[in-house]
Amino acid sequence: MTIDGVLKRPDSDAVIPAGLLLYQGLAETHVVHLADDPHTFNASKAAAQQWLKRNGFTKHIRVIKPQPSDRYGLLGGVQQLRPDLHVDLVVVADPAQASDLLAAGYTTVLFTHPRYSRPQWKPDYRGEPRAWDDLVAEIETQDQHYAQDTRRTAGPL
């Protein structure tokens, strides 16, 4: 399970409530390993472990620290676990990591929430923030689609 984007907001030190619940649920029945983003906590494993302890994440076995220069850092970290250790599930917030893990044969959960995602994780990311006018236009377009949706007035649900 990755820390950044699943347990911790990428833009602050705040805990993601749904990630905390997922962590607690999995830790009851599974051995949990956490994967830290190599850039988080200034690349200090001790700082990551201190944040985890301070926020009640104490049931995991270890923290995996992928290499920052390697796109496949998380996949490599998972593959470096003990060979006799069966990985049942990998929980990530980055769609590119989920794709890499799926291609390597790992069962993967993509944890997505618009408030807790980095912009580059979103499918419409263009490398720069979207202009306010673009956002307003998108909301208006979505409102129009919703108003014209025949399923809303087709009878009882």
C-alpha atoms as a PDB file:
ATOM      1  CA  MET A   1       0.000   0.000   0.000  1.00  0.00           C
ATOM      2  CA  THR A   2       1.440   3.383  -0.928  1.00  0.00           C
ATOM      3  CA  ILE A   3       1.574   6.139   1.658  1.00  0.00           C
ATOM      4  CA  ASP A   4       1.311   9.103  -0.709  1.00  0.00           C
ATOM      5  CA  GLY A   5      -2.198   9.414  -2.119  1.00  0.00           C
ATOM      6  CA  VAL A   6      -3.676   6.505  -0.137  1.00  0.00           C
ATOM      7  CA  LEU A   7      -2.787   7.246   3.499  1.00  0.00           C
ATOM      8  CA  LYS A   8      -1.419  10.795   3.240  1.00  0.00           C
ATOM      9  CA  ARG A   9      -2.576  13.718   1.158  1.00  0.00           C
ATOM     10  CA  PRO A  10       0.102  14.504  -1.442  1.00  0.00           C
ATOM     11  CA  ASP A  11      -0.235  18.252  -0.817  1.00  0.00           C
ATOM     12  CA  SER A  12       0.027  18.199   2.998  1.00  0.00           C
ATOM     13  CA  ASP A  13       0.691  16.000   6.016  1.00  0.00           C
ATOM     14  CA  ALA A  14      -3.027  15.320   6.489  1.00  0.00           C
ATOM     15  CA  VAL A  15      -4.340  11.762   6.790  1.00  0.00           C
ATOM     16  CA  ILE A  16      -6.830  10.554   4.173  1.00  0.00           C
ATOM     17  CA  PRO A  17      -9.740   9.170   6.240  1.00  0.00           C
ATOM     18  CA  ALA A  18     -10.769   6.490   3.712  1.00  0.00           C
ATOM     19  CA  GLY A  19      -7.136   5.380   3.436  1.00  0.00           C
ATOM     20  CA  LEU A  20      -6.923   5.026   7.213  1.00  0.00           C
ATOM     21  CA  LEU A  21     -10.029   2.817   7.201  1.00  0.00           C
ATOM     22  CA  LEU A  22      -8.634   0.703   4.359  1.00  0.00           C
ATOM     23  CA  TYR A  23      -5.305   0.330   6.182  1.00  0.00           C
ATOM     24  CA  GLN A  24      -6.975  -0.692   9.435  1.00  0.00           C
ATOM     25  CA  GLY A  25      -9.207  -3.221   7.663  1.00  0.00           C
ATOM     26  CA  LEU A  26      -6.359  -4.837   5.738  1.00  0.00           C
ATOM     27  CA  ALA A  27      -4.061  -4.885   8.773  1.00  0.00           C
ATOM     28  CA  GLU A  28      -6.598  -6.988  10.690  1.00  0.00           C
ATOM     29  CA  THR A  29      -6.224  -9.958   8.335  1.00  0.00           C
ATOM     30  CA  HIS A  30      -3.063  -9.381   6.268  1.00  0.00           C
ATOM     31  CA  VAL A  31       0.604  -8.562   6.623  1.00  0.00           C
ATOM     32  CA  VAL A  32       0.857  -4.977   5.364  1.00  0.00           C
ATOM     33  CA  HIS A  33       3.911  -3.396   3.736  1.00  0.00           C
ATOM     34  CA  LEU A  34       3.833   0.309   2.964  1.00  0.00           C
ATOM     35  CA  ALA A  35       5.556   1.978   0.030  1.00  0.00           C
ATOM     36  CA  ASP A  36       6.716   5.541   0.446  1.00  0.00           C
ATOM     37  CA  ASP A  37       7.014   7.998  -2.411  1.00  0.00           C
ATOM     38  CA  PRO A  38      10.762   8.626  -2.780  1.00  0.00           C
ATOM     39  CA  HIS A  39      10.256  12.412  -2.689  1.00  0.00           C
ATOM     40  CA  THR A  40       7.973  12.496   0.359  1.00  0.00           C
ATOM     41  CA  PHE A  41       9.449  13.481   3.745  1.00  0.00           C
ATOM     42  CA  ASN A  42      12.618  14.699   2.018  1.00  0.00           C
ATOM     43  CA  ALA A  43      13.519  11.094   1.201  1.00  0.00           C
ATOM     44  CA  SER A  44      13.924  10.280   4.914  1.00  0.00           C
ATOM     45  CA  LYS A  45      12.617   6.882   5.955  1.00  0.00           C
ATOM     46  CA  ALA A  46      12.791   7.959   9.606  1.00  0.00           C
ATOM     47  CA  ALA A  47      10.542  10.979   8.917  1.00  0.00           C
ATOM     48  CA  ALA A  48       8.044   8.727   7.120  1.00  0.00           C
ATOM     49  CA  GLN A  49       8.003   6.275  10.014  1.00  0.00           C
ATOM     50  CA  GLN A  50       7.548   9.123  12.502  1.00  0.00           C
ATOM     51  CA  TRP A  51       4.544  10.465  10.516  1.00  0.00           C
ATOM     52  CA  LEU A  52       3.046   6.970  10.355  1.00  0.00           C
ATOM     53  CA  LYS A  53       3.410   6.422  14.101  1.00  0.00           C
ATOM     54  CA  ARG A  54       2.066   9.899  14.952  1.00  0.00           C
ATOM     55  CA  ASN A  55      -1.048   9.215  12.864  1.00  0.00           C
ATOM     56  CA  GLY A  56      -1.789   5.709  14.144  1.00  0.00           C
ATOM     57  CA  PHE A  57      -0.368   3.648  11.271  1.00  0.00           C
ATOM     58  CA  THR A  58       1.447   1.112  13.444  1.00  0.00           C
ATOM     59  CA  LYS A  59       0.283  -2.301  12.214  1.00  0.00           C
ATOM     60  CA  HIS A  60       2.495  -2.643   9.121  1.00  0.00           C
ATOM     61  CA  ILE A  61       5.656  -4.724   8.887  1.00  0.00           C
ATOM     62  CA  ARG A  62       7.976  -2.393   6.970  1.00  0.00           C
ATOM     63  CA  VAL A  63       8.241   0.633   4.679  1.00  0.00           C
ATOM     64  CA  ILE A  64       9.509   0.099   1.133  1.00  0.00           C
ATOM     65  CA  LYS A  65      11.427   3.079  -0.301  1.00  0.00           C
ATOM     66  CA  PRO A  66      11.441   2.954  -4.145  1.00  0.00           C
ATOM     67  CA  GLN A  67      14.210   4.682  -6.109  1.00  0.00           C
ATOM     68  CA  PRO A  68      13.199   8.199  -7.223  1.00  0.00           C
ATOM     69  CA  SER A  69      14.747   7.905 -10.690  1.00  0.00           C
ATOM     70  CA  ASP A  70      13.009   4.649 -11.567  1.00  0.00           C
ATOM     71  CA  ARG A  71       9.485   4.669 -13.054  1.00  0.00           C
ATOM     72  CA  TYR A  72       9.223   1.077 -11.934  1.00  0.00           C
ATOM     73  CA  GLY A  73      10.518   1.845  -8.427  1.00  0.00           C
ATOM     74  CA  LEU A  74       7.393   0.598  -6.673  1.00  0.00           C
ATOM     75  CA  LEU A  75       7.209  -2.513  -8.839  1.00  0.00           C
ATOM     76  CA  GLY A  76      10.876  -3.185  -8.077  1.00  0.00           C
ATOM     77  CA  GLY A  77      10.230  -2.676  -4.363  1.00  0.00           C
ATOM     78  CA  VAL A  78       7.360  -5.164  -4.426  1.00  0.00           C
ATOM     79  CA  GLN A  79       9.454  -7.660  -6.386  1.00  0.00           C
ATOM     80  CA  GLN A  80      12.289  -7.344  -3.840  1.00  0.00           C
ATOM     81  CA  LEU A  81      10.126  -8.640  -1.017  1.00  0.00           C
ATOM     82  CA  ARG A  82      11.021 -12.113   0.230  1.00  0.00           C
ATOM     83  CA  PRO A  83      10.522 -14.659  -2.585  1.00  0.00           C
ATOM     84  CA  ASP A  84       8.340 -16.863  -0.356  1.00  0.00           C
ATOM     85  CA  LEU A  85       6.043 -13.927   0.456  1.00  0.00           C
ATOM     86  CA  HIS A  86       2.855 -13.991  -1.615  1.00  0.00           C
ATOM     87  CA  VAL A  87       1.550 -10.508  -2.434  1.00  0.00           C
ATOM     88  CA  ASP A  88      -2.250 -10.675  -2.379  1.00  0.00           C
ATOM     89  CA  LEU A  89      -2.983  -7.047  -3.193  1.00  0.00           C
ATOM     90  CA  VAL A  90      -1.214  -3.780  -3.954  1.00  0.00           C
ATOM     91  CA  VAL A  91      -3.046  -0.499  -3.230  1.00  0.00           C
ATOM     92  CA  VAL A  92      -1.847   2.582  -5.156  1.00  0.00           C
ATOM     93  CA  ALA A  93      -3.146   6.039  -6.083  1.00  0.00           C
ATOM     94  CA  ASP A  94      -1.129   6.524  -9.276  1.00  0.00           C
ATOM     95  CA  PRO A  95      -2.739   4.998 -12.411  1.00  0.00           C
ATOM     96  CA  ALA A  96       0.675   4.525 -14.078  1.00  0.00           C
ATOM     97  CA  GLN A  97       1.852   2.447 -11.107  1.00  0.00           C
ATOM     98  CA  ALA A  98      -1.388   0.445 -11.176  1.00  0.00           C
ATOM     99  CA  SER A  99      -0.848  -0.264 -14.873  1.00  0.00           C
ATOM    100  CA  ASP A 100       2.743  -1.404 -14.299  1.00  0.00           C
ATOM    101  CA  LEU A 101       1.711  -3.650 -11.399  1.00  0.00           C
ATOM    102  CA  LEU A 102      -1.174  -5.190 -13.352  1.00  0.00           C
ATOM    103  CA  ALA A 103       1.120  -5.858 -16.311  1.00  0.00           C
ATOM    104  CA  ALA A 104       3.510  -7.642 -13.928  1.00  0.00           C
ATOM    105  CA  GLY A 105       0.675  -9.869 -12.680  1.00  0.00           C
ATOM    106  CA  TYR A 106      -0.171  -8.246  -9.342  1.00  0.00           C
ATOM    107  CA  THR A 107      -3.771  -7.806  -8.168  1.00  0.00           C
ATOM    108  CA  THR A 108      -4.053  -4.055  -7.806  1.00  0.00           C
ATOM    109  CA  VAL A 109      -6.514  -1.610  -6.245  1.00  0.00           C
ATOM    110  CA  LEU A 110      -6.460   1.922  -7.626  1.00  0.00           C
ATOM    111  CA  PHE A 111      -7.449   4.254  -4.762  1.00  0.00           C
ATOM    112  CA  THR A 112      -8.849   7.399  -6.354  1.00  0.00           C
ATOM    113  CA  HIS A 113     -10.377  10.488  -4.843  1.00  0.00           C
ATOM    114  CA  PRO A 114     -10.349  13.861  -6.613  1.00  0.00           C
ATOM    115  CA  ARG A 115      -9.298  15.834  -3.530  1.00  0.00           C
ATOM    116  CA  TYR A 116      -6.397  13.525  -2.726  1.00  0.00           C
ATOM    117  CA  SER A 117      -4.906  13.070  -6.205  1.00  0.00           C
ATOM    118  CA  ARG A 118      -1.891  14.712  -7.695  1.00  0.00           C
ATOM    119  CA  PRO A 119      -2.804  16.529 -10.926  1.00  0.00           C
ATOM    120  CA  GLN A 120      -0.468  14.335 -13.018  1.00  0.00           C
ATOM    121  CA  TRP A 121      -2.411  11.228 -11.916  1.00  0.00           C
ATOM    122  CA  LYS A 122      -5.563  12.477 -13.633  1.00  0.00           C
ATOM    123  CA  PRO A 123      -6.315  11.295 -17.192  1.00  0.00           C
ATOM    124  CA  ASP A 124      -6.881  14.829 -18.555  1.00  0.00           C
ATOM    125  CA  TYR A 125      -3.622  16.236 -17.176  1.00  0.00           C
ATOM    126  CA  ARG A 126      -1.903  18.519 -19.685  1.00  0.00           C
ATOM    127  CA  GLY A 127       1.157  19.503 -17.696  1.00  0.00           C
ATOM    128  CA  GLU A 128      -0.238  22.778 -16.429  1.00  0.00           C
ATOM    129  CA  PRO A 129      -3.109  23.862 -14.207  1.00  0.00           C
ATOM    130  CA  ARG A 130      -6.400  24.325 -16.016  1.00  0.00           C
ATOM    131  CA  ALA A 131      -7.626  27.888 -16.403  1.00  0.00           C
ATOM    132  CA  TRP A 132     -10.587  28.990 -14.298  1.00  0.00           C
ATOM    133  CA  ASP A 133     -12.671  29.647 -17.422  1.00  0.00           C
ATOM    134  CA  ASP A 134     -12.038  26.061 -18.579  1.00  0.00           C
ATOM    135  CA  LEU A 135     -13.281  24.749 -15.241  1.00  0.00           C
ATOM    136  CA  VAL A 136     -16.420  26.894 -15.346  1.00  0.00           C
ATOM    137  CA  ALA A 137     -17.122  25.796 -18.936  1.00  0.00           C
ATOM    138  CA  GLU A 138     -16.686  22.133 -17.961  1.00  0.00           C
ATOM    139  CA  ILE A 139     -19.119  22.484 -15.059  1.00  0.00           C
ATOM    140  CA  GLU A 140     -21.672  24.155 -17.335  1.00  0.00           C
ATOM    141  CA  THR A 141     -21.264  21.371 -19.924  1.00  0.00           C
ATOM    142  CA  GLN A 142     -21.736  18.698 -17.268  1.00  0.00           C
ATOM    143  CA  ASP A 143     -24.840  20.516 -15.960  1.00  0.00           C
ATOM    144  CA  GLN A 144     -26.298  20.569 -19.479  1.00  0.00           C
ATOM    145  CA  HIS A 145     -25.645  16.857 -19.965  1.00  0.00           C
ATOM    146  CA  TYR A 146     -27.267  16.107 -16.622  1.00  0.00           C
ATOM    147  CA  ALA A 147     -30.340  18.217 -17.429  1.00  0.00           C
ATOM    148  CA  GLN A 148     -30.765  16.450 -20.798  1.00  0.00           C
ATOM    149  CA  ASP A 149     -30.284  12.932 -19.449  1.00  0.00           C
ATOM    150  CA  THR A 150     -33.513  11.058 -20.262  1.00  0.00           C
ATOM    151  CA  ARG A 151     -32.875   8.517 -17.507  1.00  0.00           C
ATOM    152  CA  ARG A 152     -33.769  11.199 -14.944  1.00  0.00           C
ATOM    153  CA  THR A 153     -37.351  11.513 -16.215  1.00  0.00           C
ATOM    154  CA  ALA A 154     -37.990   8.071 -17.695  1.00  0.00           C
ATOM    155  CA  GLY A 155     -40.066   6.840 -14.755  1.00  0.00           C
ATOM    156  CA  PRO A 156     -39.390   5.221 -11.433  1.00  0.00           C
ATOM    157  CA  LEU A 157     -35.868   4.016 -10.782  1.00  0.00           C
END
